[in-house]
Each structure stands twice: as structure tokens, then as C-alpha cells.
Amino acid sequence: MLFDTLAEVYNRPLLLMGDFNYPDIDWSISHGGSVNSQRFVDCIDEGFLMQHVLDCTCNGAILDLVITNEPEM
């Protein structure tokens, strides 16, 4: 449902924040370690969305994300 909702709002101003619980995503290279994680990364990339959190937020992983479609937001 999340992927469908994101696809619907790609062309609208978007600020999405929360704990997405994808600990196996390496955001520096946009790679997910599982099928679901990679599907999430692909959804972010296809919508030209940006994930802004660069530092680990929980046990060495980036779980709490801030996603926008405007770099200055």
C-alpha cells in the first residue's frame, strides 16, 4: 500500500518521516539487502525522492527516515 500511495503523490510536495524498519538498506549506494528493501529503494528512486538521514538512528542502522521530493525542504 505504501508503494502505491507514494506513486500517487510523486508530483505533489512531499515530506514523509518515520521509522520504516529497513535496516538492510545502504542509502549511500541505494541498495537494499532484501527484496522488500530493494523494492522500497526502487520506489524512492523512481519518484525522484530524496532520503535525507545520513547517520545511524538505531543499532547501527538508518531506520528513521526523512523523505522529500524537494531538496531544500
PDB file of N, CA and C in Angstrom:
ATOM      1  N   MET A   1       0.828  -1.182   0.000  1.00  0.00           N
ATOM      2  CA  MET A   1       0.000   0.000   0.000  1.00  0.00           C
ATOM      3  C   MET A   1       0.885   1.264   0.000  1.00  0.00           C
ATOM      4  N   LEU A   2       2.001   1.212   0.726  1.00  0.00           N
ATOM      5  CA  LEU A   2       2.902   2.367   0.779  1.00  0.00           C
ATOM      6  C   LEU A   2       3.422   2.721  -0.603  1.00  0.00           C
ATOM      7  N   PHE A   3       3.823   1.721  -1.378  1.00  0.00           N
ATOM      8  CA  PHE A   3       4.380   1.980  -2.701  1.00  0.00           C
ATOM      9  C   PHE A   3       3.342   2.610  -3.624  1.00  0.00           C
ATOM     10  N   ASP A   4       2.116   2.135  -3.565  1.00  0.00           N
ATOM     11  CA  ASP A   4       1.038   2.704  -4.381  1.00  0.00           C
ATOM     12  C   ASP A   4       0.751   4.141  -3.975  1.00  0.00           C
ATOM     13  N   THR A   5       0.744   4.403  -2.682  1.00  0.00           N
ATOM     14  CA  THR A   5       0.492   5.759  -2.191  1.00  0.00           C
ATOM     15  C   THR A   5       1.605   6.705  -2.620  1.00  0.00           C
ATOM     16  N   LEU A   6       2.849   6.275  -2.512  1.00  0.00           N
ATOM     17  CA  LEU A   6       3.965   7.120  -2.951  1.00  0.00           C
ATOM     18  C   LEU A   6       3.851   7.439  -4.433  1.00  0.00           C
ATOM     19  N   ALA A   7       3.503   6.460  -5.239  1.00  0.00           N
ATOM     20  CA  ALA A   7       3.366   6.680  -6.680  1.00  0.00           C
ATOM     21  C   ALA A   7       2.291   7.719  -6.982  1.00  0.00           C
ATOM     22  N   GLU A   8       1.258   7.779  -6.174  1.00  0.00           N
ATOM     23  CA  GLU A   8       0.174   8.743  -6.383  1.00  0.00           C
ATOM     24  C   GLU A   8       0.592  10.173  -6.069  1.00  0.00           C
ATOM     25  N   VAL A   9       1.574  10.358  -5.204  1.00  0.00           N
ATOM     26  CA  VAL A   9       1.943  11.710  -4.769  1.00  0.00           C
ATOM     27  C   VAL A   9       3.293  12.171  -5.303  1.00  0.00           C
ATOM     28  N   TYR A  10       3.867  11.455  -6.258  1.00  0.00           N
ATOM     29  CA  TYR A  10       5.169  11.833  -6.801  1.00  0.00           C
ATOM     30  C   TYR A  10       5.220  13.280  -7.267  1.00  0.00           C
ATOM     31  N   ASN A  11       4.146  13.798  -7.833  1.00  0.00           N
ATOM     32  CA  ASN A  11       4.154  15.153  -8.407  1.00  0.00           C
ATOM     33  C   ASN A  11       3.637  16.217  -7.458  1.00  0.00           C
ATOM     34  N   ARG A  12       3.439  15.891  -6.214  1.00  0.00           N
ATOM     35  CA  ARG A  12       2.966  16.843  -5.210  1.00  0.00           C
ATOM     36  C   ARG A  12       4.075  17.073  -4.189  1.00  0.00           C
ATOM     37  N   PRO A  13       4.072  18.222  -3.513  1.00  0.00           N
ATOM     38  CA  PRO A  13       5.072  18.412  -2.455  1.00  0.00           C
ATOM     39  C   PRO A  13       4.926  17.296  -1.415  1.00  0.00           C
ATOM     40  N   LEU A  14       6.050  16.721  -1.025  1.00  0.00           N
ATOM     41  CA  LEU A  14       6.000  15.560  -0.150  1.00  0.00           C
ATOM     42  C   LEU A  14       7.060  15.652   0.934  1.00  0.00           C
ATOM     43  N   LEU A  15       6.643  15.437   2.158  1.00  0.00           N
ATOM     44  CA  LEU A  15       7.531  15.273   3.302  1.00  0.00           C
ATOM     45  C   LEU A  15       7.018  14.057   4.058  1.00  0.00           C
ATOM     46  N   LEU A  16       7.815  13.003   4.087  1.00  0.00           N
ATOM     47  CA  LEU A  16       7.421  11.753   4.704  1.00  0.00           C
ATOM     48  C   LEU A  16       8.483  11.389   5.740  1.00  0.00           C
ATOM     49  N   MET A  17       8.065  11.195   6.986  1.00  0.00           N
ATOM     50  CA  MET A  17       9.007  10.892   8.062  1.00  0.00           C
ATOM     51  C   MET A  17       8.493   9.704   8.863  1.00  0.00           C
ATOM     52  N   GLY A  18       9.427   8.920   9.353  1.00  0.00           N
ATOM     53  CA  GLY A  18       9.026   7.838  10.233  1.00  0.00           C
ATOM     54  C   GLY A  18      10.063   6.747  10.322  1.00  0.00           C
ATOM     55  N   ASP A  19       9.735   5.723  11.096  1.00  0.00           N
ATOM     56  CA  ASP A  19      10.567   4.543  11.253  1.00  0.00           C
ATOM     57  C   ASP A  19      10.080   3.510  10.243  1.00  0.00           C
ATOM     58  N   PHE A  20      10.872   3.295   9.198  1.00  0.00           N
ATOM     59  CA  PHE A  20      10.451   2.414   8.119  1.00  0.00           C
ATOM     60  C   PHE A  20      10.955   0.986   8.293  1.00  0.00           C
ATOM     61  N   ASN A  21      11.874   0.774   9.261  1.00  0.00           N
ATOM     62  CA  ASN A  21      12.337  -0.562   9.643  1.00  0.00           C
ATOM     63  C   ASN A  21      12.898  -1.364   8.462  1.00  0.00           C
ATOM     64  N   TYR A  22      13.776  -0.717   7.699  1.00  0.00           N
ATOM     65  CA  TYR A  22      14.543  -1.394   6.656  1.00  0.00           C
ATOM     66  C   TYR A  22      16.021  -1.291   7.026  1.00  0.00           C
ATOM     67  N   PRO A  23      16.484  -2.090   8.003  1.00  0.00           N
ATOM     68  CA  PRO A  23      17.865  -1.953   8.478  1.00  0.00           C
ATOM     69  C   PRO A  23      18.914  -2.380   7.464  1.00  0.00           C
ATOM     70  N   ASP A  24      18.518  -3.119   6.430  1.00  0.00           N
ATOM     71  CA  ASP A  24      19.489  -3.632   5.467  1.00  0.00           C
ATOM     72  C   ASP A  24      19.671  -2.743   4.235  1.00  0.00           C
ATOM     73  N   ILE A  25      19.142  -1.526   4.271  1.00  0.00           N
ATOM     74  CA  ILE A  25      19.347  -0.596   3.148  1.00  0.00           C
ATOM     75  C   ILE A  25      20.628   0.187   3.379  1.00  0.00           C
ATOM     76  N   ASP A  26      21.462   0.206   2.354  1.00  0.00           N
ATOM     77  CA  ASP A  26      22.649   1.057   2.345  1.00  0.00           C
ATOM     78  C   ASP A  26      22.288   2.279   1.510  1.00  0.00           C
ATOM     79  N   TRP A  27      21.959   3.374   2.176  1.00  0.00           N
ATOM     80  CA  TRP A  27      21.487   4.573   1.487  1.00  0.00           C
ATOM     81  C   TRP A  27      22.580   5.260   0.690  1.00  0.00           C
ATOM     82  N   SER A  28      23.833   5.002   0.997  1.00  0.00           N
ATOM     83  CA  SER A  28      24.917   5.650   0.261  1.00  0.00           C
ATOM     84  C   SER A  28      25.013   5.134  -1.173  1.00  0.00           C
ATOM     85  N   ILE A  29      24.522   3.915  -1.408  1.00  0.00           N
ATOM     86  CA  ILE A  29      24.546   3.369  -2.768  1.00  0.00           C
ATOM     87  C   ILE A  29      23.154   2.945  -3.243  1.00  0.00           C
ATOM     88  N   SER A  30      22.128   3.299  -2.484  1.00  0.00           N
ATOM     89  CA  SER A  30      20.736   2.943  -2.825  1.00  0.00           C
ATOM     90  C   SER A  30      20.587   1.448  -3.101  1.00  0.00           C
ATOM     91  N   HIS A  31      20.966   0.647  -2.102  1.00  0.00           N
ATOM     92  CA  HIS A  31      20.881  -0.803  -2.260  1.00  0.00           C
ATOM     93  C   HIS A  31      20.212  -1.427  -1.045  1.00  0.00           C
ATOM     94  N   GLY A  32      19.196  -2.245  -1.310  1.00  0.00           N
ATOM     95  CA  GLY A  32      18.530  -2.986  -0.248  1.00  0.00           C
ATOM     96  C   GLY A  32      19.025  -4.414  -0.208  1.00  0.00           C
ATOM     97  N   GLY A  33      19.207  -4.944   0.977  1.00  0.00           N
ATOM     98  CA  GLY A  33      19.721  -6.291   1.144  1.00  0.00           C
ATOM     99  C   GLY A  33      18.669  -7.379   1.014  1.00  0.00           C
ATOM    100  N   SER A  34      17.413  -7.006   0.890  1.00  0.00           N
ATOM    101  CA  SER A  34      16.329  -7.976   0.696  1.00  0.00           C
ATOM    102  C   SER A  34      15.440  -7.483  -0.439  1.00  0.00           C
ATOM    103  N   VAL A  35      14.572  -8.353  -0.900  1.00  0.00           N
ATOM    104  CA  VAL A  35      13.664  -7.988  -1.992  1.00  0.00           C
ATOM    105  C   VAL A  35      12.786  -6.805  -1.589  1.00  0.00           C
ATOM    106  N   ASN A  36      12.220  -6.843  -0.389  1.00  0.00           N
ATOM    107  CA  ASN A  36      11.345  -5.752   0.055  1.00  0.00           C
ATOM    108  C   ASN A  36      12.113  -4.442   0.225  1.00  0.00           C
ATOM    109  N   SER A  37      13.314  -4.529   0.774  1.00  0.00           N
ATOM    110  CA  SER A  37      14.119  -3.322   0.943  1.00  0.00           C
ATOM    111  C   SER A  37      14.486  -2.717  -0.400  1.00  0.00           C
ATOM    112  N   GLN A  38      14.878  -3.559  -1.357  1.00  0.00           N
ATOM    113  CA  GLN A  38      15.234  -3.041  -2.673  1.00  0.00           C
ATOM    114  C   GLN A  38      14.010  -2.462  -3.376  1.00  0.00           C
ATOM    115  N   ARG A  39      12.872  -3.074  -3.170  1.00  0.00           N
ATOM    116  CA  ARG A  39      11.629  -2.537  -3.761  1.00  0.00           C
ATOM    117  C   ARG A  39      11.340  -1.139  -3.211  1.00  0.00           C
ATOM    118  N   PHE A  40      11.588  -0.941  -1.909  1.00  0.00           N
ATOM    119  CA  PHE A  40      11.395   0.372  -1.304  1.00  0.00           C
ATOM    120  C   PHE A  40      12.380   1.378  -1.890  1.00  0.00           C
ATOM    121  N   VAL A  41      13.652   0.993  -1.999  1.00  0.00           N
ATOM    122  CA  VAL A  41      14.668   1.873  -2.592  1.00  0.00           C
ATOM    123  C   VAL A  41      14.289   2.222  -4.031  1.00  0.00           C
ATOM    124  N   ASP A  42      13.840   1.243  -4.795  1.00  0.00           N
ATOM    125  CA  ASP A  42      13.442   1.488  -6.190  1.00  0.00           C
ATOM    126  C   ASP A  42      12.281   2.467  -6.263  1.00  0.00           C
ATOM    127  N   CYS A  43      11.338   2.344  -5.348  1.00  0.00           N
ATOM    128  CA  CYS A  43      10.190   3.251  -5.301  1.00  0.00           C
ATOM    129  C   CYS A  43      10.655   4.682  -5.027  1.00  0.00           C
ATOM    130  N   ILE A  44      11.586   4.839  -4.111  1.00  0.00           N
ATOM    131  CA  ILE A  44      12.136   6.162  -3.792  1.00  0.00           C
ATOM    132  C   ILE A  44      12.842   6.738  -5.022  1.00  0.00           C
ATOM    133  N   ASP A  45      13.655   5.910  -5.675  1.00  0.00           N
ATOM    134  CA  ASP A  45      14.404   6.357  -6.848  1.00  0.00           C
ATOM    135  C   ASP A  45      13.496   6.703  -8.026  1.00  0.00           C
ATOM    136  N   GLU A  46      12.491   5.887  -8.278  1.00  0.00           N
ATOM    137  CA  GLU A  46      11.586   6.114  -9.405  1.00  0.00           C
ATOM    138  C   GLU A  46      10.806   7.414  -9.261  1.00  0.00           C
ATOM    139  N   GLY A  47      10.523   7.795  -8.030  1.00  0.00           N
ATOM    140  CA  GLY A  47       9.789   9.030  -7.785  1.00  0.00           C
ATOM    141  C   GLY A  47      10.689  10.238  -7.620  1.00  0.00           C
ATOM    142  N   PHE A  48      11.995  10.067  -7.847  1.00  0.00           N
ATOM    143  CA  PHE A  48      12.979  11.136  -7.668  1.00  0.00           C
ATOM    144  C   PHE A  48      12.870  11.734  -6.265  1.00  0.00           C
ATOM    145  N   LEU A  49      12.654  10.856  -5.290  1.00  0.00           N
ATOM    146  CA  LEU A  49      12.566  11.263  -3.901  1.00  0.00           C
ATOM    147  C   LEU A  49      13.952  11.195  -3.273  1.00  0.00           C
ATOM    148  N   MET A  50      14.149  11.970  -2.203  1.00  0.00           N
ATOM    149  CA  MET A  50      15.432  12.008  -1.508  1.00  0.00           C
ATOM    150  C   MET A  50      15.246  11.573  -0.062  1.00  0.00           C
ATOM    151  N   GLN A  51      16.170  10.764   0.401  1.00  0.00           N
ATOM    152  CA  GLN A  51      16.205  10.335   1.781  1.00  0.00           C
ATOM    153  C   GLN A  51      17.324  11.139   2.430  1.00  0.00           C
ATOM    154  N   HIS A  52      17.001  11.921   3.456  1.00  0.00           N
ATOM    155  CA  HIS A  52      17.926  12.912   3.994  1.00  0.00           C
ATOM    156  C   HIS A  52      18.739  12.461   5.219  1.00  0.00           C
ATOM    157  N   VAL A  53      18.363  11.386   5.881  1.00  0.00           N
ATOM    158  CA  VAL A  53      19.063  10.962   7.093  1.00  0.00           C
ATOM    159  C   VAL A  53      20.335  10.207   6.692  1.00  0.00           C
ATOM    160  N   LEU A  54      21.474  10.658   7.207  1.00  0.00           N
ATOM    161  CA  LEU A  54      22.758  10.060   6.837  1.00  0.00           C
ATOM    162  C   LEU A  54      23.414   9.292   7.970  1.00  0.00           C
ATOM    163  N   ASP A  55      23.001   9.541   9.202  1.00  0.00           N
ATOM    164  CA  ASP A  55      23.614   8.892  10.354  1.00  0.00           C
ATOM    165  C   ASP A  55      22.695   7.815  10.918  1.00  0.00           C
ATOM    166  N   CYS A  56      23.287   6.796  11.489  1.00  0.00           N
ATOM    167  CA  CYS A  56      22.528   5.693  12.083  1.00  0.00           C
ATOM    168  C   CYS A  56      21.579   6.222  13.156  1.00  0.00           C
ATOM    169  N   THR A  57      20.399   5.650  13.199  1.00  0.00           N
ATOM    170  CA  THR A  57      19.399   6.083  14.178  1.00  0.00           C
ATOM    171  C   THR A  57      19.056   4.989  15.183  1.00  0.00           C
ATOM    172  N   CYS A  58      19.439   3.731  14.875  1.00  0.00           N
ATOM    173  CA  CYS A  58      19.105   2.635  15.786  1.00  0.00           C
ATOM    174  C   CYS A  58      20.033   1.445  15.549  1.00  0.00           C
ATOM    175  N   ASN A  59      20.842   1.122  16.536  1.00  0.00           N
ATOM    176  CA  ASN A  59      21.700  -0.072  16.481  1.00  0.00           C
ATOM    177  C   ASN A  59      22.509  -0.178  15.189  1.00  0.00           C
ATOM    178  N   GLY A  60      23.093   0.919  14.753  1.00  0.00           N
ATOM    179  CA  GLY A  60      23.951   0.905  13.573  1.00  0.00           C
ATOM    180  C   GLY A  60      23.228   0.956  12.249  1.00  0.00           C
ATOM    181  N   ALA A  61      21.935   1.150  12.252  1.00  0.00           N
ATOM    182  CA  ALA A  61      21.154   1.200  11.017  1.00  0.00           C
ATOM    183  C   ALA A  61      20.397   2.526  10.928  1.00  0.00           C
ATOM    184  N   ILE A  62      20.045   2.901   9.711  1.00  0.00           N
ATOM    185  CA  ILE A  62      19.219   4.090   9.490  1.00  0.00           C
ATOM    186  C   ILE A  62      17.781   3.611   9.326  1.00  0.00           C
ATOM    187  N   LEU A  63      17.014   3.684  10.393  1.00  0.00           N
ATOM    188  CA  LEU A  63      15.611   3.257  10.363  1.00  0.00           C
ATOM    189  C   LEU A  63      14.668   4.436  10.275  1.00  0.00           C
ATOM    190  N   ASP A  64      15.018   5.529  10.958  1.00  0.00           N
ATOM    191  CA  ASP A  64      14.168   6.726  10.951  1.00  0.00           C
ATOM    192  C   ASP A  64      14.543   7.550   9.727  1.00  0.00           C
ATOM    193  N   LEU A  65      13.595   7.703   8.822  1.00  0.00           N
ATOM    194  CA  LEU A  65      13.868   8.343   7.542  1.00  0.00           C
ATOM    195  C   LEU A  65      13.118   9.659   7.402  1.00  0.00           C
ATOM    196  N   VAL A  66      13.698  10.577   6.647  1.00  0.00           N
ATOM    197  CA  VAL A  66      13.052  11.805   6.223  1.00  0.00           C
ATOM    198  C   VAL A  66      13.157  11.807   4.704  1.00  0.00           C
ATOM    199  N   ILE A  67      12.008  11.709   4.044  1.00  0.00           N
ATOM    200  CA  ILE A  67      11.961  11.595   2.586  1.00  0.00           C
ATOM    201  C   ILE A  67      11.195  12.787   2.028  1.00  0.00           C
ATOM    202  N   THR A  68      11.788  13.436   1.023  1.00  0.00           N
ATOM    203  CA  THR A  68      11.128  14.575   0.375  1.00  0.00           C
ATOM    204  C   THR A  68      11.296  14.463  -1.138  1.00  0.00           C
ATOM    205  N   ASN A  69      10.547  15.282  -1.830  1.00  0.00           N
ATOM    206  CA  ASN A  69      10.759  15.399  -3.273  1.00  0.00           C
ATOM    207  C   ASN A  69      11.271  16.793  -3.635  1.00  0.00           C
ATOM    208  N   GLU A  70      11.675  17.555  -2.635  1.00  0.00           N
ATOM    209  CA  GLU A  70      12.264  18.863  -2.844  1.00  0.00           C
ATOM    210  C   GLU A  70      13.542  18.940  -2.015  1.00  0.00           C
ATOM    211  N   PRO A  71      14.705  19.103  -2.656  1.00  0.00           N
ATOM    212  CA  PRO A  71      15.970  19.057  -1.926  1.00  0.00           C
ATOM    213  C   PRO A  71      16.094  20.088  -0.822  1.00  0.00           C
ATOM    214  N   GLU A  72      15.454  21.214  -0.940  1.00  0.00           N
ATOM    215  CA  GLU A  72      15.591  22.286   0.044  1.00  0.00           C
ATOM    216  C   GLU A  72      14.585  22.181   1.182  1.00  0.00           C
ATOM    217  N   MET A  73      13.673  21.236   1.119  1.00  0.00           N
ATOM    218  CA  MET A  73      12.616  21.129   2.130  1.00  0.00           C
ATOM    219  C   MET A  73      13.189  20.740   3.470  1.00  0.00           C
TER     220      MET A  73
END
